[in-house]
Amino acid sequence: MDLTVPAIEMTGPIIVSIIVAIGLAILVIYAIVRGQKRKLSAGVEEMIGKEAVVRTTLNPKGVVLAEGELWTAIAEGNNIEAGEEVTITKVEGLKLWVKKKPEGKESI
C-alpha cells in the first residue's frame, strides 16, 4: 500500500490566480486601514463656521436651512429676517446659534 501524497503541479493559471488573490487581499487591508485613520467628517461640530439661510424670522428663535436640513436656530443679537444668510457659531443639542453674516462679505 502506497501512502505517498501525489504532487500537485503548479501551472501558470494557478500561480497567476494566487498572485491576484494576494494582491486583492492587500488592497482590501490597505483600504480598511486608510478608512480607519480618516478624520471624522460628520457631526454637528463640523457645522460651526458654516453658512445657513434663514427660513422664518429669527426673533430670536426661528428656523434655518443648514446643510440641506431645517434646524431650530437662535439669533445672537438683533432679529434676522427670512432669506438672509447667517453663520453658525454654536451647536447645542438640536439648536443652532447663528449670527448675521457681515454685509459686503461674499463667500468663495
PDB file of N, CA and C in Angstrom:
ATOM      1  N   MET A   1       0.836  -1.166   0.000  1.00  0.00           N
ATOM      2  CA  MET A   1       0.000   0.000   0.000  1.00  0.00           C
ATOM      3  C   MET A   1       0.891   1.242   0.000  1.00  0.00           C
ATOM      4  N   ASP A   2       0.649   2.124  -0.952  1.00  0.00           N
ATOM      5  CA  ASP A   2       1.464   3.324  -1.114  1.00  0.00           C
ATOM      6  C   ASP A   2       0.758   4.507  -0.430  1.00  0.00           C
ATOM      7  N   LEU A   3       1.364   5.124   0.589  1.00  0.00           N
ATOM      8  CA  LEU A   3       0.769   6.239   1.337  1.00  0.00           C
ATOM      9  C   LEU A   3       1.345   7.591   0.945  1.00  0.00           C
ATOM     10  N   THR A   4       1.987   7.702  -0.138  1.00  0.00           N
ATOM     11  CA  THR A   4       2.553   8.977  -0.565  1.00  0.00           C
ATOM     12  C   THR A   4       1.466   9.861  -1.171  1.00  0.00           C
ATOM     13  N   VAL A   5       1.581  11.145  -0.935  1.00  0.00           N
ATOM     14  CA  VAL A   5       0.622  12.121  -1.451  1.00  0.00           C
ATOM     15  C   VAL A   5       1.059  12.511  -2.856  1.00  0.00           C
ATOM     16  N   PRO A   6       0.119  12.496  -3.792  1.00  0.00           N
ATOM     17  CA  PRO A   6       0.516  12.867  -5.153  1.00  0.00           C
ATOM     18  C   PRO A   6       0.886  14.345  -5.232  1.00  0.00           C
ATOM     19  N   ALA A   7       1.862  14.677  -6.016  1.00  0.00           N
ATOM     20  CA  ALA A   7       2.328  16.060  -6.170  1.00  0.00           C
ATOM     21  C   ALA A   7       1.339  16.845  -7.023  1.00  0.00           C
ATOM     22  N   ILE A   8       1.098  18.103  -6.617  1.00  0.00           N
ATOM     23  CA  ILE A   8       0.204  18.980  -7.378  1.00  0.00           C
ATOM     24  C   ILE A   8       1.079  19.855  -8.265  1.00  0.00           C
ATOM     25  N   GLU A   9       0.752  19.869  -9.544  1.00  0.00           N
ATOM     26  CA  GLU A   9       1.530  20.692 -10.464  1.00  0.00           C
ATOM     27  C   GLU A   9       1.075  22.139 -10.369  1.00  0.00           C
ATOM     28  N   MET A  10       2.003  23.057 -10.249  1.00  0.00           N
ATOM     29  CA  MET A  10       1.713  24.490 -10.202  1.00  0.00           C
ATOM     30  C   MET A  10       1.824  25.021 -11.631  1.00  0.00           C
ATOM     31  N   THR A  11       0.679  25.150 -12.279  1.00  0.00           N
ATOM     32  CA  THR A  11       0.670  25.646 -13.649  1.00  0.00           C
ATOM     33  C   THR A  11       0.552  27.168 -13.638  1.00  0.00           C
ATOM     34  N   GLY A  12       0.725  27.755 -14.789  1.00  0.00           N
ATOM     35  CA  GLY A  12       0.683  29.211 -14.923  1.00  0.00           C
ATOM     36  C   GLY A  12      -0.607  29.837 -14.414  1.00  0.00           C
ATOM     37  N   PRO A  13      -1.788  29.363 -14.816  1.00  0.00           N
ATOM     38  CA  PRO A  13      -3.030  29.978 -14.340  1.00  0.00           C
ATOM     39  C   PRO A  13      -3.207  29.889 -12.825  1.00  0.00           C
ATOM     40  N   ILE A  14      -2.744  28.808 -12.201  1.00  0.00           N
ATOM     41  CA  ILE A  14      -2.855  28.684 -10.743  1.00  0.00           C
ATOM     42  C   ILE A  14      -1.968  29.721 -10.064  1.00  0.00           C
ATOM     43  N   ILE A  15      -0.762  29.890 -10.562  1.00  0.00           N
ATOM     44  CA  ILE A  15       0.167  30.875  -9.979  1.00  0.00           C
ATOM     45  C   ILE A  15      -0.395  32.288 -10.140  1.00  0.00           C
ATOM     46  N   VAL A  16      -0.913  32.606 -11.310  1.00  0.00           N
ATOM     47  CA  VAL A  16      -1.491  33.933 -11.547  1.00  0.00           C
ATOM     48  C   VAL A  16      -2.688  34.170 -10.620  1.00  0.00           C
ATOM     49  N   SER A  17      -3.534  33.168 -10.439  1.00  0.00           N
ATOM     50  CA  SER A  17      -4.702  33.296  -9.558  1.00  0.00           C
ATOM     51  C   SER A  17      -4.281  33.561  -8.119  1.00  0.00           C
ATOM     52  N   ILE A  18      -3.258  32.871  -7.653  1.00  0.00           N
ATOM     53  CA  ILE A  18      -2.764  33.072  -6.290  1.00  0.00           C
ATOM     54  C   ILE A  18      -2.215  34.485  -6.127  1.00  0.00           C
ATOM     55  N   ILE A  19      -1.458  34.970  -7.092  1.00  0.00           N
ATOM     56  CA  ILE A  19      -0.889  36.321  -7.026  1.00  0.00           C
ATOM     57  C   ILE A  19      -1.997  37.369  -7.021  1.00  0.00           C
ATOM     58  N   VAL A  20      -3.020  37.186  -7.875  1.00  0.00           N
ATOM     59  CA  VAL A  20      -4.140  38.135  -7.925  1.00  0.00           C
ATOM     60  C   VAL A  20      -4.895  38.134  -6.596  1.00  0.00           C
ATOM     61  N   ALA A  21      -5.138  36.972  -6.018  1.00  0.00           N
ATOM     62  CA  ALA A  21      -5.849  36.878  -4.736  1.00  0.00           C
ATOM     63  C   ALA A  21      -5.069  37.571  -3.623  1.00  0.00           C
ATOM     64  N   ILE A  22      -3.761  37.384  -3.583  1.00  0.00           N
ATOM     65  CA  ILE A  22      -2.923  38.040  -2.576  1.00  0.00           C
ATOM     66  C   ILE A  22      -2.951  39.555  -2.777  1.00  0.00           C
ATOM     67  N   GLY A  23      -2.878  39.989  -4.020  1.00  0.00           N
ATOM     68  CA  GLY A  23      -2.928  41.423  -4.318  1.00  0.00           C
ATOM     69  C   GLY A  23      -4.248  42.047  -3.877  1.00  0.00           C
ATOM     70  N   LEU A  24      -5.356  41.374  -4.160  1.00  0.00           N
ATOM     71  CA  LEU A  24      -6.663  41.887  -3.724  1.00  0.00           C
ATOM     72  C   LEU A  24      -6.772  41.939  -2.207  1.00  0.00           C
ATOM     73  N   ALA A  25      -6.258  40.927  -1.517  1.00  0.00           N
ATOM     74  CA  ALA A  25      -6.283  40.916  -0.056  1.00  0.00           C
ATOM     75  C   ALA A  25      -5.494  42.095   0.502  1.00  0.00           C
ATOM     76  N   ILE A  26      -4.334  42.372  -0.064  1.00  0.00           N
ATOM     77  CA  ILE A  26      -3.515  43.505   0.383  1.00  0.00           C
ATOM     78  C   ILE A  26      -4.249  44.822   0.127  1.00  0.00           C
ATOM     79  N   LEU A  27      -4.904  44.949  -1.024  1.00  0.00           N
ATOM     80  CA  LEU A  27      -5.654  46.159  -1.350  1.00  0.00           C
ATOM     81  C   LEU A  27      -6.814  46.384  -0.377  1.00  0.00           C
ATOM     82  N   VAL A  28      -7.531  45.333  -0.031  1.00  0.00           N
ATOM     83  CA  VAL A  28      -8.650  45.456   0.923  1.00  0.00           C
ATOM     84  C   VAL A  28      -8.132  45.862   2.301  1.00  0.00           C
ATOM     85  N   ILE A  29      -7.063  45.246   2.754  1.00  0.00           N
ATOM     86  CA  ILE A  29      -6.489  45.588   4.062  1.00  0.00           C
ATOM     87  C   ILE A  29      -6.026  47.039   4.066  1.00  0.00           C
ATOM     88  N   TYR A  30      -5.388  47.495   3.003  1.00  0.00           N
ATOM     89  CA  TYR A  30      -4.938  48.881   2.898  1.00  0.00           C
ATOM     90  C   TYR A  30      -6.129  49.845   2.972  1.00  0.00           C
ATOM     91  N   ALA A  31      -7.209  49.534   2.247  1.00  0.00           N
ATOM     92  CA  ALA A  31      -8.393  50.399   2.249  1.00  0.00           C
ATOM     93  C   ALA A  31      -9.024  50.469   3.640  1.00  0.00           C
ATOM     94  N   ILE A  32      -9.071  49.365   4.348  1.00  0.00           N
ATOM     95  CA  ILE A  32      -9.641  49.356   5.701  1.00  0.00           C
ATOM     96  C   ILE A  32      -8.798  50.201   6.641  1.00  0.00           C
ATOM     97  N   VAL A  33      -7.491  50.035   6.609  1.00  0.00           N
ATOM     98  CA  VAL A  33      -6.599  50.808   7.488  1.00  0.00           C
ATOM     99  C   VAL A  33      -6.714  52.295   7.168  1.00  0.00           C
ATOM    100  N   ARG A  34      -6.743  52.644   5.907  1.00  0.00           N
ATOM    101  CA  ARG A  34      -6.844  54.051   5.493  1.00  0.00           C
ATOM    102  C   ARG A  34      -8.175  54.653   5.949  1.00  0.00           C
ATOM    103  N   GLY A  35      -9.256  53.897   5.838  1.00  0.00           N
ATOM    104  CA  GLY A  35     -10.561  54.375   6.273  1.00  0.00           C
ATOM    105  C   GLY A  35     -10.632  54.601   7.772  1.00  0.00           C
ATOM    106  N   GLN A  36      -9.932  53.791   8.544  1.00  0.00           N
ATOM    107  CA  GLN A  36      -9.946  53.938   9.996  1.00  0.00           C
ATOM    108  C   GLN A  36      -9.139  55.156  10.452  1.00  0.00           C
ATOM    109  N   LYS A  37      -8.147  55.546   9.681  1.00  0.00           N
ATOM    110  CA  LYS A  37      -7.308  56.696  10.043  1.00  0.00           C
ATOM    111  C   LYS A  37      -7.907  58.030   9.610  1.00  0.00           C
ATOM    112  N   ARG A  38      -8.920  57.981   8.727  1.00  0.00           N
ATOM    113  CA  ARG A  38      -9.511  59.200   8.191  1.00  0.00           C
ATOM    114  C   ARG A  38     -10.232  59.982   9.282  1.00  0.00           C
ATOM    115  N   LYS A  39     -10.139  61.300   9.223  1.00  0.00           N
ATOM    116  CA  LYS A  39     -10.794  62.178  10.187  1.00  0.00           C
ATOM    117  C   LYS A  39     -12.309  62.103  10.005  1.00  0.00           C
ATOM    118  N   LEU A  40     -13.012  62.100  11.122  1.00  0.00           N
ATOM    119  CA  LEU A  40     -14.464  62.086  11.092  1.00  0.00           C
ATOM    120  C   LEU A  40     -14.955  63.375  10.457  1.00  0.00           C
ATOM    121  N   SER A  41     -15.786  63.262   9.431  1.00  0.00           N
ATOM    122  CA  SER A  41     -16.227  64.455   8.717  1.00  0.00           C
ATOM    123  C   SER A  41     -17.724  64.681   8.846  1.00  0.00           C
ATOM    124  N   ALA A  42     -18.315  64.071   9.813  1.00  0.00           N
ATOM    125  CA  ALA A  42     -19.745  64.257  10.034  1.00  0.00           C
ATOM    126  C   ALA A  42     -19.958  64.664  11.488  1.00  0.00           C
ATOM    127  N   GLY A  43     -21.118  65.174  11.753  1.00  0.00           N
ATOM    128  CA  GLY A  43     -21.427  65.564  13.120  1.00  0.00           C
ATOM    129  C   GLY A  43     -21.643  67.050  13.222  1.00  0.00           C
ATOM    130  N   VAL A  44     -22.279  67.424  14.291  1.00  0.00           N
ATOM    131  CA  VAL A  44     -22.652  68.816  14.461  1.00  0.00           C
ATOM    132  C   VAL A  44     -21.452  69.721  14.688  1.00  0.00           C
ATOM    133  N   GLU A  45     -20.353  69.186  15.194  1.00  0.00           N
ATOM    134  CA  GLU A  45     -19.173  70.024  15.435  1.00  0.00           C
ATOM    135  C   GLU A  45     -18.633  70.614  14.137  1.00  0.00           C
ATOM    136  N   GLU A  46     -18.839  69.886  13.039  1.00  0.00           N
ATOM    137  CA  GLU A  46     -18.354  70.341  11.743  1.00  0.00           C
ATOM    138  C   GLU A  46     -19.169  71.515  11.193  1.00  0.00           C
ATOM    139  N   MET A  47     -20.330  71.784  11.778  1.00  0.00           N
ATOM    140  CA  MET A  47     -21.214  72.828  11.261  1.00  0.00           C
ATOM    141  C   MET A  47     -20.786  74.230  11.691  1.00  0.00           C
ATOM    142  N   ILE A  48     -20.031  74.333  12.766  1.00  0.00           N
ATOM    143  CA  ILE A  48     -19.624  75.644  13.267  1.00  0.00           C
ATOM    144  C   ILE A  48     -18.791  76.362  12.209  1.00  0.00           C
ATOM    145  N   GLY A  49     -19.180  77.594  11.906  1.00  0.00           N
ATOM    146  CA  GLY A  49     -18.490  78.392  10.893  1.00  0.00           C
ATOM    147  C   GLY A  49     -19.125  78.294   9.513  1.00  0.00           C
ATOM    148  N   LYS A  50     -20.027  77.346   9.307  1.00  0.00           N
ATOM    149  CA  LYS A  50     -20.688  77.208   8.013  1.00  0.00           C
ATOM    150  C   LYS A  50     -21.859  78.179   7.913  1.00  0.00           C
ATOM    151  N   GLU A  51     -22.343  78.341   6.693  1.00  0.00           N
ATOM    152  CA  GLU A  51     -23.429  79.289   6.450  1.00  0.00           C
ATOM    153  C   GLU A  51     -24.765  78.579   6.392  1.00  0.00           C
ATOM    154  N   ALA A  52     -25.825  79.324   6.700  1.00  0.00           N
ATOM    155  CA  ALA A  52     -27.190  78.816   6.637  1.00  0.00           C
ATOM    156  C   ALA A  52     -28.071  79.954   6.121  1.00  0.00           C
ATOM    157  N   VAL A  53     -29.279  79.603   5.672  1.00  0.00           N
ATOM    158  CA  VAL A  53     -30.232  80.591   5.177  1.00  0.00           C
ATOM    159  C   VAL A  53     -31.445  80.584   6.109  1.00  0.00           C
ATOM    160  N   VAL A  54     -31.846  81.765   6.535  1.00  0.00           N
ATOM    161  CA  VAL A  54     -32.978  81.893   7.452  1.00  0.00           C
ATOM    162  C   VAL A  54     -34.269  81.599   6.691  1.00  0.00           C
ATOM    163  N   ARG A  55     -35.107  80.706   7.234  1.00  0.00           N
ATOM    164  CA  ARG A  55     -36.390  80.353   6.623  1.00  0.00           C
ATOM    165  C   ARG A  55     -37.542  81.097   7.274  1.00  0.00           C
ATOM    166  N   THR A  56     -37.513  81.235   8.598  1.00  0.00           N
ATOM    167  CA  THR A  56     -38.519  82.035   9.307  1.00  0.00           C
ATOM    168  C   THR A  56     -37.759  83.067  10.131  1.00  0.00           C
ATOM    169  N   THR A  57     -38.341  84.220  10.294  1.00  0.00           N
ATOM    170  CA  THR A  57     -37.671  85.302  11.006  1.00  0.00           C
ATOM    171  C   THR A  57     -37.165  84.832  12.363  1.00  0.00           C
ATOM    172  N   LEU A  58     -35.902  85.129  12.637  1.00  0.00           N
ATOM    173  CA  LEU A  58     -35.308  84.783  13.926  1.00  0.00           C
ATOM    174  C   LEU A  58     -35.566  85.940  14.885  1.00  0.00           C
ATOM    175  N   ASN A  59     -36.442  85.700  15.861  1.00  0.00           N
ATOM    176  CA  ASN A  59     -36.883  86.768  16.756  1.00  0.00           C
ATOM    177  C   ASN A  59     -36.887  86.304  18.197  1.00  0.00           C
ATOM    178  N   PRO A  60     -35.910  85.931  18.859  1.00  0.00           N
ATOM    179  CA  PRO A  60     -34.601  85.481  18.387  1.00  0.00           C
ATOM    180  C   PRO A  60     -34.622  84.044  17.893  1.00  0.00           C
ATOM    181  N   LYS A  61     -35.770  83.336  18.044  1.00  0.00           N
ATOM    182  CA  LYS A  61     -35.836  81.923  17.662  1.00  0.00           C
ATOM    183  C   LYS A  61     -36.586  81.769  16.349  1.00  0.00           C
ATOM    184  N   GLY A  62     -36.139  80.823  15.524  1.00  0.00           N
ATOM    185  CA  GLY A  62     -36.790  80.560  14.251  1.00  0.00           C
ATOM    186  C   GLY A  62     -36.202  79.332  13.599  1.00  0.00           C
ATOM    187  N   VAL A  63     -36.320  79.239  12.278  1.00  0.00           N
ATOM    188  CA  VAL A  63     -35.851  78.070  11.532  1.00  0.00           C
ATOM    189  C   VAL A  63     -34.873  78.514  10.449  1.00  0.00           C
ATOM    190  N   VAL A  64     -33.782  77.747  10.303  1.00  0.00           N
ATOM    191  CA  VAL A  64     -32.804  77.996   9.241  1.00  0.00           C
ATOM    192  C   VAL A  64     -32.594  76.710   8.442  1.00  0.00           C
ATOM    193  N   LEU A  65     -32.120  76.885   7.214  1.00  0.00           N
ATOM    194  CA  LEU A  65     -31.747  75.755   6.364  1.00  0.00           C
ATOM    195  C   LEU A  65     -30.229  75.672   6.368  1.00  0.00           C
ATOM    196  N   ALA A  66     -29.702  74.577   6.948  1.00  0.00           N
ATOM    197  CA  ALA A  66     -28.250  74.394   7.036  1.00  0.00           C
ATOM    198  C   ALA A  66     -27.914  72.988   6.586  1.00  0.00           C
ATOM    199  N   GLU A  67     -26.960  72.861   5.680  1.00  0.00           N
ATOM    200  CA  GLU A  67     -26.515  71.561   5.181  1.00  0.00           C
ATOM    201  C   GLU A  67     -27.682  70.738   4.642  1.00  0.00           C
ATOM    202  N   GLY A  68     -28.647  71.415   4.021  1.00  0.00           N
ATOM    203  CA  GLY A  68     -29.776  70.724   3.407  1.00  0.00           C
ATOM    204  C   GLY A  68     -30.860  70.288   4.372  1.00  0.00           C
ATOM    205  N   GLU A  69     -30.768  70.699   5.643  1.00  0.00           N
ATOM    206  CA  GLU A  69     -31.748  70.317   6.651  1.00  0.00           C
ATOM    207  C   GLU A  69     -32.277  71.551   7.360  1.00  0.00           C
ATOM    208  N   LEU A  70     -33.526  71.471   7.822  1.00  0.00           N
ATOM    209  CA  LEU A  70     -34.120  72.556   8.600  1.00  0.00           C
ATOM    210  C   LEU A  70     -33.754  72.371  10.073  1.00  0.00           C
ATOM    211  N   TRP A  71     -33.268  73.456  10.688  1.00  0.00           N
ATOM    212  CA  TRP A  71     -32.842  73.436  12.087  1.00  0.00           C
ATOM    213  C   TRP A  71     -33.524  74.566  12.845  1.00  0.00           C
ATOM    214  N   THR A  72     -33.785  74.333  14.122  1.00  0.00           N
ATOM    215  CA  THR A  72     -34.211  75.412  15.000  1.00  0.00           C
ATOM    216  C   THR A  72     -32.971  76.245  15.285  1.00  0.00           C
ATOM    217  N   ALA A  73     -33.124  77.558  15.195  1.00  0.00           N
ATOM    218  CA  ALA A  73     -31.961  78.431  15.392  1.00  0.00           C
ATOM    219  C   ALA A  73     -32.307  79.573  16.319  1.00  0.00           C
ATOM    220  N   ILE A  74     -31.293  80.067  17.001  1.00  0.00           N
ATOM    221  CA  ILE A  74     -31.433  81.218  17.878  1.00  0.00           C
ATOM    222  C   ILE A  74     -30.435  82.269  17.407  1.00  0.00           C
ATOM    223  N   ALA A  75     -30.961  83.479  17.184  1.00  0.00           N
ATOM    224  CA  ALA A  75     -30.114  84.568  16.689  1.00  0.00           C
ATOM    225  C   ALA A  75     -29.344  85.191  17.841  1.00  0.00           C
ATOM    226  N   GLU A  76     -28.075  85.442  17.591  1.00  0.00           N
ATOM    227  CA  GLU A  76     -27.255  86.192  18.543  1.00  0.00           C
ATOM    228  C   GLU A  76     -27.337  87.652  18.132  1.00  0.00           C
ATOM    229  N   GLY A  77     -27.898  88.462  18.979  1.00  0.00           N
ATOM    230  CA  GLY A  77     -28.022  89.887  18.646  1.00  0.00           C
ATOM    231  C   GLY A  77     -29.413  90.213  18.163  1.00  0.00           C
ATOM    232  N   ASN A  78     -29.501  91.030  17.123  1.00  0.00           N
ATOM    233  CA  ASN A  78     -30.786  91.524  16.612  1.00  0.00           C
ATOM    234  C   ASN A  78     -31.566  90.448  15.872  1.00  0.00           C
ATOM    235  N   ASN A  79     -32.823  90.764  15.575  1.00  0.00           N
ATOM    236  CA  ASN A  79     -33.664  89.872  14.779  1.00  0.00           C
ATOM    237  C   ASN A  79     -33.076  89.749  13.374  1.00  0.00           C
ATOM    238  N   ILE A  80     -33.289  88.594  12.760  1.00  0.00           N
ATOM    239  CA  ILE A  80     -32.792  88.359  11.410  1.00  0.00           C
ATOM    240  C   ILE A  80     -33.978  87.923  10.562  1.00  0.00           C
ATOM    241  N   GLU A  81     -34.161  88.579   9.426  1.00  0.00           N
ATOM    242  CA  GLU A  81     -35.313  88.334   8.557  1.00  0.00           C
ATOM    243  C   GLU A  81     -35.111  87.087   7.691  1.00  0.00           C
ATOM    244  N   ALA A  82     -36.221  86.504   7.258  1.00  0.00           N
ATOM    245  CA  ALA A  82     -36.188  85.328   6.386  1.00  0.00           C
ATOM    246  C   ALA A  82     -35.463  85.667   5.083  1.00  0.00           C
ATOM    247  N   GLY A  83     -34.690  84.720   4.570  1.00  0.00           N
ATOM    248  CA  GLY A  83     -33.950  84.903   3.326  1.00  0.00           C
ATOM    249  C   GLY A  83     -32.520  85.378   3.519  1.00  0.00           C
ATOM    250  N   GLU A  84     -32.198  85.882   4.707  1.00  0.00           N
ATOM    251  CA  GLU A  84     -30.834  86.365   4.954  1.00  0.00           C
ATOM    252  C   GLU A  84     -29.897  85.197   5.251  1.00  0.00           C
ATOM    253  N   GLU A  85     -28.624  85.413   4.956  1.00  0.00           N
ATOM    254  CA  GLU A  85     -27.619  84.398   5.253  1.00  0.00           C
ATOM    255  C   GLU A  85     -27.021  84.661   6.622  1.00  0.00           C
ATOM    256  N   VAL A  86     -26.774  83.568   7.348  1.00  0.00           N
ATOM    257  CA  VAL A  86     -26.194  83.652   8.686  1.00  0.00           C
ATOM    258  C   VAL A  86     -25.029  82.685   8.784  1.00  0.00           C
ATOM    259  N   THR A  87     -24.220  82.872   9.818  1.00  0.00           N
ATOM    260  CA  THR A  87     -23.096  81.988  10.094  1.00  0.00           C
ATOM    261  C   THR A  87     -23.375  81.254  11.399  1.00  0.00           C
ATOM    262  N   ILE A  88     -23.140  79.958  11.411  1.00  0.00           N
ATOM    263  CA  ILE A  88     -23.370  79.147  12.609  1.00  0.00           C
ATOM    264  C   ILE A  88     -22.197  79.350  13.567  1.00  0.00           C
ATOM    265  N   THR A  89     -22.510  79.721  14.810  1.00  0.00           N
ATOM    266  CA  THR A  89     -21.465  79.983  15.801  1.00  0.00           C
ATOM    267  C   THR A  89     -21.392  78.924  16.890  1.00  0.00           C
ATOM    268  N   LYS A  90     -22.513  78.222  17.108  1.00  0.00           N
ATOM    269  CA  LYS A  90     -22.541  77.259  18.204  1.00  0.00           C
ATOM    270  C   LYS A  90     -23.638  76.235  17.921  1.00  0.00           C
ATOM    271  N   VAL A  91     -23.408  75.001  18.356  1.00  0.00           N
ATOM    272  CA  VAL A  91     -24.415  73.953  18.230  1.00  0.00           C
ATOM    273  C   VAL A  91     -24.670  73.414  19.629  1.00  0.00           C
ATOM    274  N   GLU A  92     -25.932  73.406  20.013  1.00  0.00           N
ATOM    275  CA  GLU A  92     -26.295  72.935  21.345  1.00  0.00           C
ATOM    276  C   GLU A  92     -27.486  71.988  21.188  1.00  0.00           C
ATOM    277  N   GLY A  93     -27.229  70.693  21.275  1.00  0.00           N
ATOM    278  CA  GLY A  93     -28.296  69.716  21.039  1.00  0.00           C
ATOM    279  C   GLY A  93     -28.745  69.803  19.589  1.00  0.00           C
ATOM    280  N   LEU A  94     -30.039  70.088  19.391  1.00  0.00           N
ATOM    281  CA  LEU A  94     -30.576  70.230  18.038  1.00  0.00           C
ATOM    282  C   LEU A  94     -30.849  71.687  17.692  1.00  0.00           C
ATOM    283  N   LYS A  95     -30.217  72.608  18.402  1.00  0.00           N
ATOM    284  CA  LYS A  95     -30.374  74.042  18.130  1.00  0.00           C
ATOM    285  C   LYS A  95     -29.063  74.627  17.643  1.00  0.00           C
ATOM    286  N   LEU A  96     -29.193  75.527  16.683  1.00  0.00           N
ATOM    287  CA  LEU A  96     -28.022  76.244  16.171  1.00  0.00           C
ATOM    288  C   LEU A  96     -28.076  77.672  16.680  1.00  0.00           C
ATOM    289  N   TRP A  97     -26.956  78.190  17.081  1.00  0.00           N
ATOM    290  CA  TRP A  97     -26.824  79.598  17.423  1.00  0.00           C
ATOM    291  C   TRP A  97     -26.176  80.259  16.208  1.00  0.00           C
ATOM    292  N   VAL A  98     -26.800  81.315  15.728  1.00  0.00           N
ATOM    293  CA  VAL A  98     -26.320  81.940  14.497  1.00  0.00           C
ATOM    294  C   VAL A  98     -26.177  83.446  14.675  1.00  0.00           C
ATOM    295  N   LYS A  99     -25.342  84.030  13.818  1.00  0.00           N
ATOM    296  CA  LYS A  99     -25.244  85.488  13.764  1.00  0.00           C
ATOM    297  C   LYS A  99     -25.298  85.913  12.311  1.00  0.00           C
ATOM    298  N   LYS A 100     -25.748  87.128  12.118  1.00  0.00           N
ATOM    299  CA  LYS A 100     -25.893  87.658  10.781  1.00  0.00           C
ATOM    300  C   LYS A 100     -24.526  87.741  10.106  1.00  0.00           C
ATOM    301  N   LYS A 101     -24.513  87.392   8.826  1.00  0.00           N
ATOM    302  CA  LYS A 101     -23.287  87.483   8.046  1.00  0.00           C
ATOM    303  C   LYS A 101     -22.946  88.948   7.838  1.00  0.00           C
ATOM    304  N   PRO A 102     -21.680  89.337   7.984  1.00  0.00           N
ATOM    305  CA  PRO A 102     -21.309  90.734   7.753  1.00  0.00           C
ATOM    306  C   PRO A 102     -21.678  91.199   6.345  1.00  0.00           C
ATOM    307  N   GLU A 103     -22.145  92.419   6.226  1.00  0.00           N
ATOM    308  CA  GLU A 103     -22.542  92.990   4.915  1.00  0.00           C
ATOM    309  C   GLU A 103     -21.313  93.129   4.021  1.00  0.00           C
ATOM    310  N   GLY A 104     -21.517  92.878   2.737  1.00  0.00           N
ATOM    311  CA  GLY A 104     -20.472  93.094   1.743  1.00  0.00           C
ATOM    312  C   GLY A 104     -19.418  92.020   1.699  1.00  0.00           C
ATOM    313  N   LYS A 105     -19.535  91.006   2.546  1.00  0.00           N
ATOM    314  CA  LYS A 105     -18.539  89.933   2.552  1.00  0.00           C
ATOM    315  C   LYS A 105     -19.112  88.745   1.814  1.00  0.00           C
ATOM    316  N   GLU A 106     -18.561  88.444   0.656  1.00  0.00           N
ATOM    317  CA  GLU A 106     -19.037  87.329  -0.175  1.00  0.00           C
ATOM    318  C   GLU A 106     -18.231  86.082   0.141  1.00  0.00           C
ATOM    319  N   SER A 107     -18.896  84.929   0.130  1.00  0.00           N
ATOM    320  CA  SER A 107     -18.188  83.670   0.345  1.00  0.00           C
ATOM    321  C   SER A 107     -17.577  83.213  -0.976  1.00  0.00           C
ATOM    322  N   ILE A 108     -16.503  82.466  -0.871  1.00  0.00           N
ATOM    323  CA  ILE A 108     -15.800  81.983  -2.060  1.00  0.00           C
ATOM    324  C   ILE A 108     -16.327  80.640  -2.457  1.00  0.00           C
TER     325      ILE A 108
END
